[in-house]
Amino acid sequence: MRELCLRAGMPMDLIDVSGLWGAVEGYVIGAIEAPRASIAVLQRHFGFDAIESQGRLRFVMRGAGPVAEVALDDMVIGQSVNGEVIELTRGQETELPLALKWQLARADQDYDAVMVEARRTVVDSTRILAEGFPIAAPPEMSERQANRALQETWVGREGASFRLPPSRVAVDAGDVLTLRHDGRGVEYRVVQVSDGEDKRIDAVRSDRLVYDLPVGGARSTSLALISPFGGALVQFLDLPQMFDDDPPYQPLLAVYASSWPGALAVWRSAATDAFVQIGSIDTRASFGTLLSALGPGPSAVFDHGNTVDLELVDGVLSSVTDLQLFAGSNSFAVQTEAGAWEIVQARDVELIGPRRYRLRGLLRGVRGTEAHIMAVKPAGARVIVINSALLPVPLATTDIRIAWNWRLGPIGLDFADPKMVSVQYTPMAEGLRPFSPVHIAQPYLRGRLPGDYTISWIRRDRDLGADSWEAVEVPMSETSEVYEVDILDGATVKRTLTVPSPLALYTAAQQIADWGSTLGPGDTVDVRVVQISAAAGRGTATTQTLIF
């Protein structure tokens, strides 16, 4: 939107797009037209308002909550409403569409045309409205937008016109008001404000549920022509469990090919022959690289000290709300120099160039990867967007820690075909490793005498539901609860305490044996606490200096 306004000659400081979210992967302006016409196409598809307010042009997504309440006593009588303070209108059902049919281009399929449809049931209308959009977008998202547009049309057939006194100067176009009338409150979106001796308001009915519809069902690839396959980027990701329906020990597979053949077969063998096809992947992943280094940062809170730029090979990004972020949106796997992966989320996304984005409002070390926050992630490091395009590789627990040979290529080709992409990869079942314990208690915060000391901490769990604030107890994914506590002297382990709960007794006798005396005020000791998994062994450790 900013680009279209700049093309029209508007100064940058008069354009406000902070109220927009969403992204369009391709937009064709096929004729000489006014920027307003180009904006109107996007406005229809995405559902936002363009508002001139206080000398600036603001773009605001619809679906916001009410900003104020208005009752009949708040209104003034105007000359054009026959002495009434409010005029309510309602459109005829026969004038409204029964269905919307939108035609656009698929962003994931060489821009082939696709049709999405939204339809109402049990209505008197028989009108079907067909529209074409010069837009490339995922059909699942466009189906959601079509449903939103249809429901918005039906909800918005109810209108209201009234006048407010000049004291209600804050009411602006695009605002949602709760109208108190006949003993109930109904939300209306202001579409026009006319200022004079009073403020004339024209509004239409609004329903926030219309803007919170689910995306459409996934559509399989159906290319009319066979695309030539010229190789692919292939990356296996050994990550903590990211999706509810997938076993935690299965790695994720990301594949990108510029010429996508529709689907790729995945073959596997422990030798150099006798490959067996174990699955297929029909959606290409979004690969990218860092344009700037990602430095160390905090965990468990927003990282406001770092911003990072990245460039995607394919796909689009957009900002999300806090709730969407906490639900897993805008998650990225960022590779360290050592080959490990830190999971990073970004709330704020700014487009800074073709397929280039600036990420702010970062959450670092998500899903137990905080051990890699301090690792160097220089410019050029690989980034993969974590979404449904990643394939959970169908492995059994007996396949873990075996060096497998993998081959990927178009479905229908033999595994020995020279077009196949060959990769070697050993799954390590990172998703089975326990998360690191947290909040190791400090001795100096407690009143104590030299002698036995109980080291305590709080455990975490790798289960996706472990973050619930309503649970009485954190779930336990392991068959039994076991921890090891290493007492450290630099890099040397003085002793290891094995305990069945988040409490480890470090006795006075053990302290004397390790340090020559009991630990008292002014002493320090480093400890490393780790949870043990029967399947994966030691989990991620937490190391902390205890101050006595």
Protein backbone atom coordinates (compact mmCIF):
# COMPACT_ATOMS: atom_id res chain seq x y z
CA MET A 1 0.00 0.00 0.00
CA ARG A 2 2.80 2.38 0.81
CA GLU A 3 4.36 1.73 -2.59
CA LEU A 4 1.10 2.51 -4.42
CA CYS A 5 0.71 5.75 -2.49
CA LEU A 6 4.29 6.78 -3.19
CA ARG A 7 3.71 6.14 -6.89
CA ALA A 8 0.79 8.56 -6.69
CA GLY A 9 3.16 11.25 -5.39
CA MET A 10 2.14 11.24 -1.72
CA PRO A 11 4.84 12.14 0.81
CA MET A 12 5.97 9.27 3.01
CA ASP A 13 5.03 11.05 6.25
CA LEU A 14 1.38 11.31 5.15
CA ILE A 15 0.97 7.55 4.68
CA ASP A 16 0.07 5.35 7.65
CA VAL A 17 -0.03 1.59 7.00
CA SER A 18 0.55 0.51 10.61
CA GLY A 19 -3.04 -0.74 10.83
CA LEU A 20 -2.60 -3.28 8.02
CA TRP A 21 -1.49 -6.88 8.15
CA GLY A 22 -1.38 -9.68 5.61
CA ALA A 23 0.64 -10.00 2.43
CA VAL A 24 0.08 -10.45 -1.27
CA GLU A 25 2.60 -12.58 -3.16
CA GLY A 26 1.94 -11.05 -6.56
CA TYR A 27 -0.13 -8.20 -7.99
CA VAL A 28 -0.42 -7.27 -11.66
CA ILE A 29 -1.34 -3.74 -12.76
CA GLY A 30 -2.10 -4.51 -16.38
CA ALA A 31 -3.23 -1.10 -17.61
CA ILE A 32 -2.77 2.58 -16.99
CA GLU A 33 -5.04 3.33 -14.06
CA ALA A 34 -5.32 5.62 -11.08
CA PRO A 35 -3.63 4.38 -7.89
CA ARG A 36 -7.06 4.55 -6.26
CA ALA A 37 -8.30 1.81 -8.61
CA SER A 38 -5.29 -0.38 -7.78
CA ILE A 39 -5.89 0.12 -4.06
CA ALA A 40 -9.59 -0.69 -4.43
CA VAL A 41 -8.76 -4.19 -5.74
CA LEU A 42 -6.64 -4.93 -2.67
CA GLN A 43 -9.23 -3.33 -0.42
CA ARG A 44 -11.92 -5.67 -1.74
CA HIS A 45 -9.73 -8.76 -1.36
CA PHE A 46 -8.27 -8.10 2.08
CA GLY A 47 -11.06 -6.11 3.75
CA PHE A 48 -9.56 -2.83 4.94
CA ASP A 49 -10.57 0.84 4.92
CA ALA A 50 -8.68 3.81 3.50
CA ILE A 51 -9.35 6.85 5.70
CA GLU A 52 -8.30 10.47 5.42
CA SER A 53 -7.81 11.68 8.98
CA GLN A 54 -5.94 14.66 10.40
CA GLY A 55 -4.23 15.31 7.09
CA ARG A 56 -2.94 11.75 6.73
CA LEU A 57 -4.12 8.73 4.75
CA ARG A 58 -4.61 5.81 7.12
CA PHE A 59 -5.21 2.19 6.12
CA VAL A 60 -6.96 0.12 8.79
CA MET A 61 -8.05 -3.52 8.77
CA ARG A 62 -11.71 -4.09 9.52
CA GLY A 63 -12.83 -6.24 12.45
CA ALA A 64 -11.63 -4.08 15.33
CA GLY A 65 -13.57 -3.79 18.57
CA PRO A 66 -15.76 -0.80 19.45
CA VAL A 67 -14.02 2.40 20.51
CA ALA A 68 -17.06 4.08 22.07
CA GLU A 69 -20.77 3.69 22.87
CA VAL A 70 -23.50 5.89 21.41
CA ALA A 71 -27.07 6.07 22.72
CA LEU A 72 -30.05 7.98 21.35
CA ASP A 73 -29.55 10.62 24.05
CA ASP A 74 -26.07 11.31 22.63
CA MET A 75 -27.44 12.25 19.20
CA VAL A 76 -28.75 15.52 17.83
CA ILE A 77 -31.70 16.06 15.51
CA GLY A 78 -30.88 16.95 11.93
CA GLN A 79 -33.03 18.44 9.24
CA SER A 80 -32.65 15.49 6.84
CA VAL A 81 -34.04 12.71 9.00
CA ASN A 82 -37.64 13.98 9.44
CA GLY A 83 -37.20 14.98 13.04
CA GLU A 84 -35.86 11.58 14.09
CA VAL A 85 -32.45 11.29 15.68
CA ILE A 86 -31.55 8.09 13.81
CA GLU A 87 -32.41 6.48 10.50
CA LEU A 88 -32.04 2.70 10.20
CA THR A 89 -32.04 0.94 6.83
CA ARG A 90 -31.96 -2.69 5.74
CA GLY A 91 -31.20 -4.04 2.27
CA GLN A 92 -33.39 -6.60 0.52
CA GLU A 93 -32.16 -10.20 0.49
CA THR A 94 -32.88 -10.50 -3.23
CA GLU A 95 -30.39 -7.70 -3.90
CA LEU A 96 -27.56 -9.52 -2.10
CA PRO A 97 -25.39 -12.30 -3.54
CA LEU A 98 -26.07 -15.94 -2.78
CA ALA A 99 -22.45 -16.75 -3.62
CA LEU A 100 -19.15 -15.11 -4.49
CA LYS A 101 -16.79 -16.65 -7.03
CA TRP A 102 -13.30 -15.20 -7.13
CA GLN A 103 -10.70 -16.02 -9.76
CA LEU A 104 -7.04 -15.36 -9.06
CA ALA A 105 -3.61 -16.92 -9.56
CA ARG A 106 -1.97 -19.57 -7.40
CA ALA A 107 1.24 -18.29 -5.91
CA ASP A 108 2.57 -21.84 -5.45
CA GLN A 109 1.87 -23.24 -8.92
CA ASP A 110 3.46 -21.17 -11.67
CA TYR A 111 0.60 -18.66 -11.29
CA ASP A 112 -2.08 -20.99 -12.70
CA ALA A 113 -5.64 -19.70 -12.40
CA VAL A 114 -7.72 -20.92 -9.49
CA MET A 115 -11.34 -20.34 -8.44
CA VAL A 116 -12.45 -19.92 -4.83
CA GLU A 117 -16.09 -19.76 -3.79
CA ALA A 118 -18.12 -18.63 -0.79
CA ARG A 119 -21.80 -19.50 -0.56
CA ARG A 120 -24.68 -18.86 1.84
CA THR A 121 -27.47 -21.28 2.55
CA VAL A 122 -31.16 -20.80 3.35
CA VAL A 123 -31.54 -17.37 1.76
CA ASP A 124 -33.97 -16.02 -0.81
CA SER A 125 -31.31 -14.59 -3.10
CA THR A 126 -30.22 -16.36 -6.28
CA ARG A 127 -27.54 -13.88 -7.40
CA ILE A 128 -24.03 -15.18 -7.97
CA LEU A 129 -21.32 -12.54 -8.15
CA ALA A 130 -18.15 -13.46 -10.05
CA GLU A 131 -15.01 -11.34 -9.71
CA GLY A 132 -11.49 -11.57 -11.04
CA PHE A 133 -8.43 -10.41 -9.11
CA PRO A 134 -4.99 -9.83 -10.70
CA ILE A 135 -3.49 -11.24 -7.50
CA ALA A 136 -1.28 -14.24 -6.76
CA ALA A 137 -2.13 -15.72 -3.37
CA PRO A 138 -2.57 -19.09 -1.66
CA PRO A 139 -6.08 -20.35 -2.54
CA GLU A 140 -6.69 -21.38 1.08
CA MET A 141 -6.26 -17.79 2.25
CA SER A 142 -8.28 -16.40 -0.66
CA GLU A 143 -11.15 -18.75 0.18
CA ARG A 144 -11.14 -17.32 3.68
CA GLN A 145 -11.20 -13.78 2.27
CA ALA A 146 -14.09 -14.66 -0.05
CA ASN A 147 -16.09 -15.98 2.90
CA ARG A 148 -15.26 -12.83 4.81
CA ALA A 149 -16.42 -10.62 1.94
CA LEU A 150 -19.70 -12.51 1.53
CA GLN A 151 -20.53 -12.46 5.25
CA GLU A 152 -19.49 -8.81 5.43
CA THR A 153 -21.93 -7.96 2.62
CA TRP A 154 -24.84 -9.65 4.38
CA VAL A 155 -24.03 -8.21 7.80
CA GLY A 156 -23.48 -4.76 6.30
CA ARG A 157 -26.90 -4.61 4.64
CA GLU A 158 -28.09 -2.94 7.88
CA GLY A 159 -27.16 0.72 7.97
CA ALA A 160 -27.57 3.62 10.37
CA SER A 161 -27.42 7.40 9.85
CA PHE A 162 -27.37 9.83 12.74
CA ARG A 163 -25.75 13.03 13.94
CA LEU A 164 -23.46 13.62 16.87
CA PRO A 165 -22.56 16.90 18.57
CA PRO A 166 -19.19 18.52 17.81
CA SER A 167 -17.97 17.34 21.22
CA ARG A 168 -17.68 13.82 19.75
CA VAL A 169 -14.82 15.00 17.59
CA ALA A 170 -12.84 11.80 18.25
CA VAL A 171 -15.24 9.66 16.19
CA ASP A 172 -13.61 8.99 12.83
CA ALA A 173 -14.26 6.92 9.73
CA GLY A 174 -13.31 3.27 10.25
CA ASP A 175 -14.16 3.35 13.96
CA VAL A 176 -16.57 0.78 15.35
CA LEU A 177 -19.28 2.14 17.67
CA THR A 178 -21.64 0.24 19.94
CA LEU A 179 -25.10 1.67 19.23
CA ARG A 180 -27.48 1.40 22.18
CA HIS A 181 -30.99 1.10 20.75
CA ASP A 182 -34.15 -0.74 21.83
CA GLY A 183 -32.42 -2.10 24.93
CA ARG A 184 -29.53 -3.78 23.13
CA GLY A 185 -26.07 -2.88 21.92
CA VAL A 186 -25.20 -3.41 18.27
CA GLU A 187 -21.82 -2.74 16.68
CA TYR A 188 -21.65 -0.44 13.64
CA ARG A 189 -18.61 0.51 11.56
CA VAL A 190 -18.41 4.16 10.56
CA VAL A 191 -18.00 4.49 6.78
CA GLN A 192 -18.39 8.25 6.39
CA VAL A 193 -18.17 11.32 8.60
CA SER A 194 -19.41 14.73 7.41
CA ASP A 195 -18.36 17.65 9.60
CA GLY A 196 -20.46 20.78 9.86
CA GLU A 197 -22.44 22.29 12.70
CA ASP A 198 -22.64 18.68 13.85
CA LYS A 199 -21.09 15.39 12.77
CA ARG A 200 -23.19 13.33 10.37
CA ILE A 201 -22.35 9.65 10.74
CA ASP A 202 -23.10 6.96 8.16
CA ALA A 203 -22.39 3.47 9.45
CA VAL A 204 -23.01 -0.17 8.58
CA ARG A 205 -23.51 -3.16 10.83
CA SER A 206 -20.31 -4.93 11.88
CA ASP A 207 -19.62 -8.34 13.37
CA ARG A 208 -16.13 -9.18 14.59
CA LEU A 209 -16.70 -12.92 14.04
CA VAL A 210 -16.78 -12.27 10.28
CA TYR A 211 -13.09 -11.36 10.45
CA ASP A 212 -12.03 -14.42 12.41
CA LEU A 213 -12.93 -17.17 9.94
CA PRO A 214 -10.75 -20.27 9.41
CA VAL A 215 -8.66 -20.67 6.28
CA GLY A 216 -9.96 -22.88 3.50
CA GLY A 217 -8.99 -26.49 2.99
CA ALA A 218 -5.63 -27.35 1.48
CA ARG A 219 -5.62 -27.79 -2.29
CA SER A 220 -3.35 -30.29 -3.92
CA THR A 221 -1.08 -29.30 -6.77
CA SER A 222 -2.46 -30.06 -10.23
CA LEU A 223 -0.12 -28.70 -12.85
CA ALA A 224 -1.39 -28.97 -16.38
CA LEU A 225 2.13 -29.41 -17.72
CA ILE A 226 5.04 -31.38 -16.32
CA SER A 227 7.65 -28.94 -15.02
CA PRO A 228 11.28 -29.84 -15.72
CA PHE A 229 13.03 -30.82 -12.49
CA GLY A 230 16.45 -29.26 -12.11
CA GLY A 231 17.36 -30.18 -8.54
CA ALA A 232 16.25 -28.97 -5.14
CA LEU A 233 17.35 -27.52 -1.82
CA VAL A 234 16.90 -30.23 0.82
CA GLN A 235 17.21 -29.70 4.58
CA PHE A 236 16.38 -32.11 7.39
CA LEU A 237 15.52 -30.38 10.68
CA ASP A 238 16.03 -32.25 13.94
CA LEU A 239 13.89 -30.00 16.15
CA PRO A 240 11.74 -30.29 19.26
CA GLN A 241 8.17 -31.28 18.50
CA MET A 242 6.47 -28.46 16.59
CA PHE A 243 3.07 -29.88 15.65
CA ASP A 244 0.52 -31.69 17.82
CA ASP A 245 -0.23 -34.54 15.44
CA ASP A 246 3.37 -35.58 14.79
CA PRO A 247 5.48 -37.91 16.95
CA PRO A 248 8.27 -35.97 18.69
CA TYR A 249 11.03 -38.25 17.39
CA GLN A 250 10.30 -37.55 13.71
CA PRO A 251 12.46 -34.90 12.03
CA LEU A 252 11.03 -32.35 9.61
CA LEU A 253 11.96 -32.20 5.94
CA ALA A 254 12.10 -28.93 4.01
CA VAL A 255 12.45 -28.96 0.22
CA TYR A 256 12.51 -26.13 -2.30
CA ALA A 257 12.73 -26.31 -6.08
CA SER A 258 12.33 -23.27 -8.32
CA SER A 259 10.56 -25.44 -10.89
CA TRP A 260 8.19 -27.48 -8.74
CA PRO A 261 7.07 -30.75 -10.36
CA GLY A 262 3.90 -31.04 -8.28
CA ALA A 263 5.19 -33.50 -5.69
CA LEU A 264 8.48 -35.15 -4.78
CA ALA A 265 8.92 -38.75 -3.70
CA VAL A 266 11.11 -39.41 -0.66
CA TRP A 267 13.22 -42.59 -0.79
CA ARG A 268 15.42 -44.08 1.93
CA SER A 269 18.03 -46.81 2.30
CA ALA A 270 20.68 -47.78 4.83
CA ALA A 271 22.86 -48.89 1.90
CA THR A 272 23.54 -47.50 -1.56
CA ASP A 273 20.78 -49.55 -3.19
CA ALA A 274 17.45 -51.13 -2.27
CA PHE A 275 15.80 -47.75 -1.69
CA VAL A 276 12.22 -47.74 -0.39
CA GLN A 277 9.79 -44.87 -0.92
CA ILE A 278 8.50 -43.77 2.49
CA GLY A 279 6.45 -40.74 1.53
CA SER A 280 6.08 -37.67 -0.65
CA ILE A 281 6.13 -33.93 -0.20
CA ASP A 282 3.77 -31.76 -2.26
CA THR A 283 4.52 -28.23 -0.99
CA ARG A 284 7.79 -26.39 -1.29
CA ALA A 285 9.19 -24.84 1.85
CA SER A 286 10.28 -21.24 2.36
CA PHE A 287 14.07 -21.05 2.54
CA GLY A 288 15.98 -17.89 3.30
CA THR A 289 19.26 -16.44 4.51
CA LEU A 290 20.14 -13.83 7.11
CA LEU A 291 21.22 -10.51 5.63
CA SER A 292 22.52 -9.34 9.01
CA ALA A 293 23.96 -11.25 11.94
CA LEU A 294 21.67 -12.30 14.78
CA GLY A 295 23.37 -11.62 18.09
CA PRO A 296 22.75 -13.13 21.53
CA GLY A 297 19.58 -12.17 23.35
CA PRO A 298 17.27 -13.02 26.23
CA SER A 299 14.96 -15.99 26.50
CA ALA A 300 11.39 -16.14 27.82
CA VAL A 301 10.87 -12.40 27.13
CA PHE A 302 10.77 -10.28 23.99
CA ASP A 303 14.18 -9.49 22.53
CA HIS A 304 13.88 -5.75 21.81
CA GLY A 305 17.64 -5.33 21.49
CA ASN A 306 17.98 -7.25 18.23
CA THR A 307 16.50 -6.73 14.80
CA VAL A 308 17.44 -9.02 11.94
CA ASP A 309 17.08 -8.78 8.18
CA LEU A 310 16.49 -11.83 6.01
CA GLU A 311 15.81 -12.65 2.40
CA LEU A 312 13.44 -15.43 1.35
CA VAL A 313 13.83 -17.45 -1.81
CA ASP A 314 10.06 -17.80 -1.97
CA GLY A 315 7.00 -16.95 0.12
CA VAL A 316 5.80 -13.91 2.02
CA LEU A 317 5.83 -12.77 5.65
CA SER A 318 3.63 -10.37 7.61
CA SER A 319 3.28 -9.06 11.15
CA VAL A 320 1.11 -10.93 13.65
CA THR A 321 -0.58 -10.15 16.94
CA ASP A 322 0.79 -11.29 20.29
CA LEU A 323 -1.85 -14.03 20.51
CA GLN A 324 -0.98 -15.31 17.05
CA LEU A 325 2.69 -15.25 17.97
CA PHE A 326 2.13 -17.24 21.15
CA ALA A 327 0.10 -19.74 19.10
CA GLY A 328 3.17 -20.42 16.94
CA SER A 329 2.90 -17.99 14.01
CA ASN A 330 6.00 -16.53 12.36
CA SER A 331 8.34 -19.27 13.58
CA PHE A 332 11.76 -19.66 11.97
CA ALA A 333 14.56 -22.19 12.31
CA VAL A 334 17.87 -20.28 12.21
CA GLN A 335 21.04 -22.33 11.75
CA THR A 336 24.14 -21.67 13.83
CA GLU A 337 27.71 -21.99 12.54
CA ALA A 338 27.89 -25.37 14.28
CA GLY A 339 24.82 -26.65 12.41
CA ALA A 340 22.37 -26.49 15.33
CA TRP A 341 19.02 -24.72 15.06
CA GLU A 342 17.56 -21.96 17.20
CA ILE A 343 13.81 -21.44 16.84
CA VAL A 344 13.03 -17.72 16.63
CA GLN A 345 9.65 -16.02 16.36
CA ALA A 346 8.99 -12.49 15.09
CA ARG A 347 5.93 -10.38 15.89
CA ASP A 348 6.74 -7.38 13.69
CA VAL A 349 7.71 -7.84 10.04
CA GLU A 350 8.62 -4.99 7.69
CA LEU A 351 9.11 -5.40 3.96
CA ILE A 352 12.37 -3.62 3.07
CA GLY A 353 12.92 -4.90 -0.48
CA PRO A 354 11.92 -7.65 -2.90
CA ARG A 355 11.53 -10.76 -0.68
CA ARG A 356 13.55 -8.96 2.02
CA TYR A 357 12.16 -8.43 5.52
CA ARG A 358 13.19 -6.82 8.78
CA LEU A 359 12.11 -8.76 11.86
CA ARG A 360 11.47 -7.12 15.24
CA GLY A 361 9.77 -8.14 18.47
CA LEU A 362 11.68 -11.42 18.60
CA LEU A 363 11.11 -14.40 20.86
CA ARG A 364 14.36 -16.34 21.18
CA GLY A 365 15.16 -19.95 22.01
CA VAL A 366 11.57 -21.10 21.52
CA ARG A 367 10.64 -24.76 22.27
CA GLY A 368 13.68 -25.47 24.39
CA THR A 369 16.32 -24.17 21.94
CA GLU A 370 17.60 -21.46 24.31
CA ALA A 371 20.94 -23.31 24.50
CA HIS A 372 21.65 -21.95 20.99
CA ILE A 373 20.81 -18.30 21.67
CA MET A 374 24.45 -17.45 22.38
CA ALA A 375 25.74 -19.29 19.30
CA VAL A 376 26.91 -17.18 16.37
CA LYS A 377 24.39 -16.79 13.55
CA PRO A 378 26.23 -14.66 10.99
CA ALA A 379 24.92 -13.02 7.86
CA GLY A 380 24.34 -15.76 5.30
CA ALA A 381 23.06 -18.27 7.85
CA ARG A 382 20.24 -20.46 6.59
CA VAL A 383 16.67 -19.73 7.72
CA ILE A 384 13.63 -21.95 7.17
CA VAL A 385 10.05 -20.87 7.85
CA ILE A 386 8.32 -23.41 10.11
CA ASN A 387 4.85 -24.11 8.72
CA SER A 388 2.73 -26.87 7.21
CA ALA A 389 5.00 -27.06 4.15
CA LEU A 390 7.50 -29.05 6.25
CA LEU A 391 7.05 -32.83 6.05
CA PRO A 392 7.29 -34.88 9.26
CA VAL A 393 9.47 -37.76 8.05
CA PRO A 394 7.65 -41.06 8.78
CA LEU A 395 10.26 -42.84 10.88
CA ALA A 396 9.94 -45.43 13.64
CA THR A 397 11.88 -45.23 16.89
CA THR A 398 14.07 -48.10 15.63
CA ASP A 399 15.23 -45.85 12.75
CA ILE A 400 16.83 -43.31 15.08
CA ARG A 401 20.62 -42.84 15.02
CA ILE A 402 21.04 -44.82 11.80
CA ALA A 403 22.97 -43.20 8.95
CA TRP A 404 20.43 -43.22 6.12
CA ASN A 405 20.86 -42.38 2.46
CA TRP A 406 18.00 -40.34 1.07
CA ARG A 407 16.91 -39.58 -2.46
CA LEU A 408 14.26 -37.13 -3.58
CA GLY A 409 12.79 -36.57 -7.02
CA PRO A 410 9.56 -36.26 -8.98
CA ILE A 411 6.98 -38.95 -8.34
CA GLY A 412 7.14 -41.58 -11.05
CA LEU A 413 10.91 -41.56 -11.42
CA ASP A 414 12.98 -44.52 -10.26
CA PHE A 415 15.29 -43.93 -7.31
CA ALA A 416 18.27 -44.63 -9.59
CA ASP A 417 17.33 -41.86 -12.01
CA PRO A 418 20.17 -39.31 -12.34
CA LYS A 419 17.71 -36.48 -11.67
CA MET A 420 17.30 -37.66 -8.08
CA VAL A 421 18.77 -35.47 -5.32
CA SER A 422 20.92 -37.51 -2.92
CA VAL A 423 21.36 -36.59 0.76
CA GLN A 424 22.89 -38.35 3.78
CA TYR A 425 21.24 -37.73 7.12
CA THR A 426 21.14 -39.40 10.54
CA PRO A 427 18.03 -38.66 12.64
CA MET A 428 18.89 -38.03 16.30
CA ALA A 429 15.37 -37.59 17.72
CA GLU A 430 16.02 -34.15 19.18
CA GLY A 431 12.31 -33.99 19.98
CA LEU A 432 12.77 -36.66 22.69
CA ARG A 433 15.39 -34.71 24.63
CA PRO A 434 14.06 -33.16 27.86
CA PHE A 435 14.08 -29.37 28.11
CA SER A 436 16.49 -27.69 30.48
CA PRO A 437 15.38 -27.11 34.10
CA VAL A 438 14.92 -23.49 35.19
CA HIS A 439 14.97 -21.27 38.31
CA ILE A 440 17.76 -22.95 40.26
CA ALA A 441 17.44 -21.46 43.75
CA GLN A 442 20.26 -19.28 45.07
CA PRO A 443 21.59 -20.06 48.58
CA TYR A 444 22.27 -16.42 49.51
CA LEU A 445 18.56 -15.66 49.20
CA ARG A 446 17.81 -18.05 52.07
CA GLY A 447 18.88 -17.86 55.69
CA ARG A 448 21.09 -20.92 56.32
CA LEU A 449 24.04 -22.19 58.34
CA PRO A 450 26.98 -24.05 56.77
CA GLY A 451 26.17 -27.73 56.36
CA ASP A 452 23.86 -29.81 54.20
CA TYR A 453 22.38 -27.85 51.30
CA THR A 454 19.43 -28.82 49.09
CA ILE A 455 19.77 -27.70 45.47
CA SER A 456 16.31 -27.07 44.01
CA TRP A 457 14.92 -26.10 40.61
CA ILE A 458 11.75 -26.18 38.52
CA ARG A 459 11.37 -28.72 35.76
CA ARG A 460 9.95 -28.15 32.30
CA ASP A 461 8.48 -30.57 29.81
CA ARG A 462 8.76 -30.95 26.05
CA ASP A 463 5.02 -31.62 25.63
CA LEU A 464 3.29 -28.92 23.54
CA GLY A 465 0.62 -28.58 26.23
CA ALA A 466 3.13 -27.93 29.01
CA ASP A 467 2.76 -24.14 28.62
CA SER A 468 -0.87 -24.17 29.76
CA TRP A 469 -1.43 -21.80 32.68
CA GLU A 470 -4.53 -23.71 33.74
CA ALA A 471 -2.82 -27.04 34.40
CA VAL A 472 -2.33 -27.93 38.07
CA GLU A 473 0.92 -29.74 37.31
CA VAL A 474 3.31 -29.67 34.35
CA PRO A 475 2.82 -32.89 32.36
CA MET A 476 5.53 -35.56 32.39
CA SER A 477 6.57 -36.94 29.00
CA GLU A 478 9.25 -39.25 30.39
CA THR A 479 8.54 -42.74 31.77
CA SER A 480 10.15 -41.73 35.07
CA GLU A 481 11.47 -38.53 36.64
CA VAL A 482 15.26 -38.59 36.98
CA TYR A 483 17.82 -35.76 37.17
CA GLU A 484 21.58 -35.52 37.35
CA VAL A 485 23.35 -32.65 39.09
CA ASP A 486 27.03 -32.14 38.26
CA ILE A 487 29.14 -30.30 40.83
CA LEU A 488 31.72 -28.46 38.74
CA ASP A 489 35.22 -27.15 39.32
CA GLY A 490 35.78 -25.31 36.07
CA ALA A 491 35.45 -27.99 33.39
CA THR A 492 36.04 -30.81 35.90
CA VAL A 493 33.06 -32.69 37.34
CA LYS A 494 33.75 -33.18 41.05
CA ARG A 495 30.73 -35.42 41.56
CA THR A 496 27.30 -36.19 40.06
CA LEU A 497 24.15 -36.43 42.17
CA THR A 498 21.33 -38.56 40.74
CA VAL A 499 17.89 -37.76 42.16
CA PRO A 500 14.23 -38.64 41.37
CA SER A 501 12.81 -35.15 41.96
CA PRO A 502 13.77 -31.46 41.51
CA LEU A 503 15.65 -31.58 44.83
CA ALA A 504 19.26 -32.73 45.31
CA LEU A 505 20.88 -32.93 48.76
CA TYR A 506 24.51 -31.83 48.73
CA THR A 507 25.65 -33.02 52.14
CA ALA A 508 28.26 -31.41 54.36
CA ALA A 509 30.44 -34.55 54.05
CA GLN A 510 30.32 -34.29 50.25
CA GLN A 511 31.21 -30.59 50.40
CA ILE A 512 34.22 -31.32 52.63
CA ALA A 513 35.34 -34.12 50.30
CA ASP A 514 35.03 -31.83 47.25
CA TRP A 515 36.29 -28.52 48.63
CA GLY A 516 38.01 -29.23 51.96
CA SER A 517 35.30 -27.50 54.01
CA THR A 518 31.58 -26.82 54.01
CA LEU A 519 30.30 -24.03 51.78
CA GLY A 520 29.54 -20.81 53.64
CA PRO A 521 29.04 -17.10 53.05
CA GLY A 522 31.22 -15.80 50.21
CA ASP A 523 31.75 -19.21 48.59
CA THR A 524 30.55 -20.04 45.09
CA VAL A 525 30.13 -23.30 43.20
CA ASP A 526 29.01 -24.08 39.67
CA VAL A 527 26.31 -26.69 39.16
CA ARG A 528 24.87 -28.25 36.01
CA VAL A 529 21.35 -29.69 36.20
CA VAL A 530 19.94 -31.95 33.50
CA GLN A 531 16.87 -34.19 33.19
CA ILE A 532 17.38 -37.76 32.00
CA SER A 533 15.29 -39.45 29.30
CA ALA A 534 15.14 -43.22 29.01
CA ALA A 535 14.97 -42.84 25.21
CA ALA A 536 17.31 -39.91 24.54
CA GLY A 537 19.63 -39.83 27.56
CA ARG A 538 20.69 -36.47 28.93
CA GLY A 539 18.51 -33.54 27.96
CA THR A 540 19.48 -29.89 27.62
CA ALA A 541 21.44 -28.74 30.67
CA THR A 542 21.22 -25.59 32.78
CA THR A 543 24.46 -24.35 34.34
CA GLN A 544 24.45 -21.79 37.13
CA THR A 545 26.81 -20.40 39.74
CA LEU A 546 25.46 -20.80 43.27
CA ILE A 547 26.42 -17.96 45.59
CA PHE A 548 26.49 -18.81 49.30
